[in-house]
Amino acid sequence: MSILSEFKAFAVKGNVVDMAVGIIIGAAFGKIVSSFVGDVVMPPIGLLIGGVDFSDLAITLKAAEGDIPAVVLSYGKFIQTVLDFVIVAFAIFMGVKVINRLKREEAAAPAEPPAPTKDQELLTEIRDLLKNQQKQ
């Protein structure tokens, strides 16, 4: 088997395609969460603590000197990123919880017993006839 055909077999497997779709959706979901945190959650929190924009929170460790830029510790961006992570993690947790609940409900639902085959029906009729003959 050539390298090209091995790669083709690997690339078109369902798991690889599912993983790629998951990564793309995850990246888009990350952008949505970042916007939600940055544009919806953080402004009211900043307003509550005195009109502070979290992305602007930083400590200058060393001032700029000529062509050398300042060394800045941007802890506000870090706080925003942590909130992004917490919201994404919680959303994923809730999604997995719902999926697990649905799986448990499917497993808990008893499957209907299969209908008897023609042979089984015939044997049941023979048994019933023999029982009736013994009673008479």
C-alpha atoms as a PDB file:
ATOM      1  CA  MET A   1       0.000   0.000   0.000  1.00  0.00           C
ATOM      2  CA  SER A   2       1.498   3.319  -1.032  1.00  0.00           C
ATOM      3  CA  ILE A   3       1.859   6.313   1.256  1.00  0.00           C
ATOM      4  CA  LEU A   4      -0.710   8.226  -0.768  1.00  0.00           C
ATOM      5  CA  SER A   5      -3.355   5.503  -0.482  1.00  0.00           C
ATOM      6  CA  GLU A   6      -2.621   5.088   3.255  1.00  0.00           C
ATOM      7  CA  PHE A   7      -3.045   8.824   3.748  1.00  0.00           C
ATOM      8  CA  LYS A   8      -6.294   8.784   1.763  1.00  0.00           C
ATOM      9  CA  ALA A   9      -7.639   5.910   3.894  1.00  0.00           C
ATOM     10  CA  PHE A  10      -6.672   7.809   7.058  1.00  0.00           C
ATOM     11  CA  ALA A  11      -8.056  11.172   5.932  1.00  0.00           C
ATOM     12  CA  VAL A  12     -11.480   9.914   4.905  1.00  0.00           C
ATOM     13  CA  LYS A  13     -12.129   7.879   8.039  1.00  0.00           C
ATOM     14  CA  GLY A  14     -15.178   9.088   9.935  1.00  0.00           C
ATOM     15  CA  ASN A  15     -13.194   9.874  13.086  1.00  0.00           C
ATOM     16  CA  VAL A  16     -10.853  12.279  11.318  1.00  0.00           C
ATOM     17  CA  VAL A  17     -13.691  14.078   9.567  1.00  0.00           C
ATOM     18  CA  ASP A  18     -15.691  14.274  12.820  1.00  0.00           C
ATOM     19  CA  MET A  19     -12.651  15.662  14.620  1.00  0.00           C
ATOM     20  CA  ALA A  20     -12.098  18.299  11.932  1.00  0.00           C
ATOM     21  CA  VAL A  21     -15.741  19.385  12.111  1.00  0.00           C
ATOM     22  CA  GLY A  22     -15.481  19.554  15.913  1.00  0.00           C
ATOM     23  CA  ILE A  23     -12.379  21.726  15.752  1.00  0.00           C
ATOM     24  CA  ILE A  24     -13.990  24.134  13.269  1.00  0.00           C
ATOM     25  CA  ILE A  25     -17.173  24.407  15.325  1.00  0.00           C
ATOM     26  CA  GLY A  26     -15.092  24.779  18.498  1.00  0.00           C
ATOM     27  CA  ALA A  27     -13.129  27.666  17.005  1.00  0.00           C
ATOM     28  CA  ALA A  28     -16.337  29.415  15.954  1.00  0.00           C
ATOM     29  CA  PHE A  29     -17.843  28.796  19.394  1.00  0.00           C
ATOM     30  CA  GLY A  30     -14.703  30.256  20.977  1.00  0.00           C
ATOM     31  CA  LYS A  31     -15.173  33.458  18.985  1.00  0.00           C
ATOM     32  CA  ILE A  32     -18.794  33.683  20.104  1.00  0.00           C
ATOM     33  CA  VAL A  33     -17.811  33.211  23.737  1.00  0.00           C
ATOM     34  CA  SER A  34     -15.008  35.767  23.463  1.00  0.00           C
ATOM     35  CA  SER A  35     -17.446  38.296  22.058  1.00  0.00           C
ATOM     36  CA  PHE A  36     -19.994  37.449  24.750  1.00  0.00           C
ATOM     37  CA  VAL A  37     -17.449  37.915  27.525  1.00  0.00           C
ATOM     38  CA  GLY A  38     -15.777  40.991  26.036  1.00  0.00           C
ATOM     39  CA  ASP A  39     -18.895  42.786  24.800  1.00  0.00           C
ATOM     40  CA  VAL A  40     -21.662  41.645  27.158  1.00  0.00           C
ATOM     41  CA  VAL A  41     -20.241  40.368  30.463  1.00  0.00           C
ATOM     42  CA  MET A  42     -17.186  42.555  31.065  1.00  0.00           C
ATOM     43  CA  PRO A  43     -18.698  46.038  30.456  1.00  0.00           C
ATOM     44  CA  PRO A  44     -21.262  45.730  33.295  1.00  0.00           C
ATOM     45  CA  ILE A  45     -18.604  44.247  35.596  1.00  0.00           C
ATOM     46  CA  GLY A  46     -16.268  47.106  34.693  1.00  0.00           C
ATOM     47  CA  LEU A  47     -19.067  49.585  35.347  1.00  0.00           C
ATOM     48  CA  LEU A  48     -19.727  48.036  38.767  1.00  0.00           C
ATOM     49  CA  ILE A  49     -16.079  48.444  39.769  1.00  0.00           C
ATOM     50  CA  GLY A  50     -15.863  52.039  38.656  1.00  0.00           C
ATOM     51  CA  GLY A  51     -16.025  52.178  34.879  1.00  0.00           C
ATOM     52  CA  VAL A  52     -12.866  50.147  34.311  1.00  0.00           C
ATOM     53  CA  ASP A  53     -12.304  48.453  30.946  1.00  0.00           C
ATOM     54  CA  PHE A  54     -10.696  45.120  31.825  1.00  0.00           C
ATOM     55  CA  SER A  55      -8.697  44.949  28.609  1.00  0.00           C
ATOM     56  CA  ASP A  56      -6.955  48.167  29.646  1.00  0.00           C
ATOM     57  CA  LEU A  57      -5.901  46.849  33.069  1.00  0.00           C
ATOM     58  CA  ALA A  58      -2.123  46.531  33.040  1.00  0.00           C
ATOM     59  CA  ILE A  59       1.003  47.233  35.033  1.00  0.00           C
ATOM     60  CA  THR A  60       3.934  48.881  33.290  1.00  0.00           C
ATOM     61  CA  LEU A  61       7.062  47.056  34.414  1.00  0.00           C
ATOM     62  CA  LYS A  62       9.464  49.197  32.412  1.00  0.00           C
ATOM     63  CA  ALA A  63       8.674  52.438  30.617  1.00  0.00           C
ATOM     64  CA  ALA A  64       9.413  52.889  26.937  1.00  0.00           C
ATOM     65  CA  GLU A  65      12.888  54.195  26.153  1.00  0.00           C
ATOM     66  CA  GLY A  66      13.422  55.568  22.675  1.00  0.00           C
ATOM     67  CA  ASP A  67      12.801  52.779  20.166  1.00  0.00           C
ATOM     68  CA  ILE A  68      12.398  50.127  22.888  1.00  0.00           C
ATOM     69  CA  PRO A  69       8.707  49.533  23.700  1.00  0.00           C
ATOM     70  CA  ALA A  70       7.443  49.466  27.259  1.00  0.00           C
ATOM     71  CA  VAL A  71       7.252  46.161  29.134  1.00  0.00           C
ATOM     72  CA  VAL A  72       3.645  45.768  30.203  1.00  0.00           C
ATOM     73  CA  LEU A  73       1.913  43.094  32.279  1.00  0.00           C
ATOM     74  CA  SER A  74      -1.637  43.015  30.787  1.00  0.00           C
ATOM     75  CA  TYR A  75      -3.525  41.232  33.551  1.00  0.00           C
ATOM     76  CA  GLY A  76      -6.899  42.584  32.355  1.00  0.00           C
ATOM     77  CA  LYS A  77      -6.653  40.586  29.127  1.00  0.00           C
ATOM     78  CA  PHE A  78      -5.741  37.551  31.238  1.00  0.00           C
ATOM     79  CA  ILE A  79      -8.863  38.002  33.392  1.00  0.00           C
ATOM     80  CA  GLN A  80     -10.978  38.211  30.254  1.00  0.00           C
ATOM     81  CA  THR A  81      -9.359  35.065  28.833  1.00  0.00           C
ATOM     82  CA  VAL A  82      -9.983  33.180  32.091  1.00  0.00           C
ATOM     83  CA  LEU A  83     -13.657  34.176  31.957  1.00  0.00           C
ATOM     84  CA  ASP A  84     -13.798  33.000  28.327  1.00  0.00           C
ATOM     85  CA  PHE A  85     -12.399  29.641  29.412  1.00  0.00           C
ATOM     86  CA  VAL A  86     -14.813  29.279  32.348  1.00  0.00           C
ATOM     87  CA  ILE A  87     -17.818  30.009  30.125  1.00  0.00           C
ATOM     88  CA  VAL A  88     -16.633  27.612  27.389  1.00  0.00           C
ATOM     89  CA  ALA A  89     -15.870  24.896  29.941  1.00  0.00           C
ATOM     90  CA  PHE A  90     -19.295  25.320  31.559  1.00  0.00           C
ATOM     91  CA  ALA A  91     -21.063  25.210  28.174  1.00  0.00           C
ATOM     92  CA  ILE A  92     -19.189  22.034  27.213  1.00  0.00           C
ATOM     93  CA  PHE A  93     -19.953  20.502  30.625  1.00  0.00           C
ATOM     94  CA  MET A  94     -23.657  21.220  30.184  1.00  0.00           C
ATOM     95  CA  GLY A  95     -23.626  19.800  26.644  1.00  0.00           C
ATOM     96  CA  VAL A  96     -21.904  16.596  27.766  1.00  0.00           C
ATOM     97  CA  LYS A  97     -24.309  16.325  30.706  1.00  0.00           C
ATOM     98  CA  VAL A  98     -27.318  16.528  28.359  1.00  0.00           C
ATOM     99  CA  ILE A  99     -25.810  13.965  25.976  1.00  0.00           C
ATOM    100  CA  ASN A 100     -25.066  11.572  28.863  1.00  0.00           C
ATOM    101  CA  ARG A 101     -28.626  11.951  30.170  1.00  0.00           C
ATOM    102  CA  LEU A 102     -30.027  11.150  26.726  1.00  0.00           C
ATOM    103  CA  LYS A 103     -27.782   8.089  26.460  1.00  0.00           C
ATOM    104  CA  ARG A 104     -28.920   6.859  29.906  1.00  0.00           C
ATOM    105  CA  GLU A 105     -32.580   7.304  28.930  1.00  0.00           C
ATOM    106  CA  GLU A 106     -32.011   5.305  25.741  1.00  0.00           C
ATOM    107  CA  ALA A 107     -30.264   2.536  27.676  1.00  0.00           C
ATOM    108  CA  ALA A 108     -32.948   2.508  30.404  1.00  0.00           C
ATOM    109  CA  ALA A 109     -35.802   2.128  27.925  1.00  0.00           C
ATOM    110  CA  PRO A 110     -36.402  -1.618  27.620  1.00  0.00           C
ATOM    111  CA  ALA A 111     -36.329  -2.926  24.116  1.00  0.00           C
ATOM    112  CA  GLU A 112     -39.453  -4.688  22.904  1.00  0.00           C
ATOM    113  CA  PRO A 113     -38.970  -8.411  22.778  1.00  0.00           C
ATOM    114  CA  PRO A 114     -38.771  -9.641  19.215  1.00  0.00           C
ATOM    115  CA  ALA A 115     -41.884 -11.180  17.750  1.00  0.00           C
ATOM    116  CA  PRO A 116     -41.824 -14.987  17.777  1.00  0.00           C
ATOM    117  CA  THR A 117     -40.629 -16.630  14.613  1.00  0.00           C
ATOM    118  CA  LYS A 118     -42.893 -18.885  12.562  1.00  0.00           C
ATOM    119  CA  ASP A 119     -41.138 -21.929  14.054  1.00  0.00           C
ATOM    120  CA  GLN A 120     -41.779 -20.676  17.583  1.00  0.00           C
ATOM    121  CA  GLU A 121     -45.446 -19.987  16.814  1.00  0.00           C
ATOM    122  CA  LEU A 122     -45.821 -23.453  15.361  1.00  0.00           C
ATOM    123  CA  LEU A 123     -44.172 -25.069  18.390  1.00  0.00           C
ATOM    124  CA  THR A 124     -46.430 -23.047  20.706  1.00  0.00           C
ATOM    125  CA  GLU A 125     -49.514 -24.284  18.854  1.00  0.00           C
ATOM    126  CA  ILE A 126     -48.286 -27.880  19.054  1.00  0.00           C
ATOM    127  CA  ARG A 127     -47.625 -27.487  22.800  1.00  0.00           C
ATOM    128  CA  ASP A 128     -51.086 -26.037  23.377  1.00  0.00           C
ATOM    129  CA  LEU A 129     -52.719 -28.873  21.385  1.00  0.00           C
ATOM    130  CA  LEU A 130     -50.813 -31.476  23.405  1.00  0.00           C
ATOM    131  CA  LYS A 131     -51.882 -29.803  26.687  1.00  0.00           C
ATOM    132  CA  ASN A 132     -55.517 -29.820  25.545  1.00  0.00           C
ATOM    133  CA  GLN A 133     -55.307 -33.545  24.606  1.00  0.00           C
ATOM    134  CA  GLN A 134     -53.873 -34.418  28.023  1.00  0.00           C
ATOM    135  CA  LYS A 135     -56.721 -32.594  29.827  1.00  0.00           C
ATOM    136  CA  GLN A 136     -59.415 -34.548  27.934  1.00  0.00           C
END
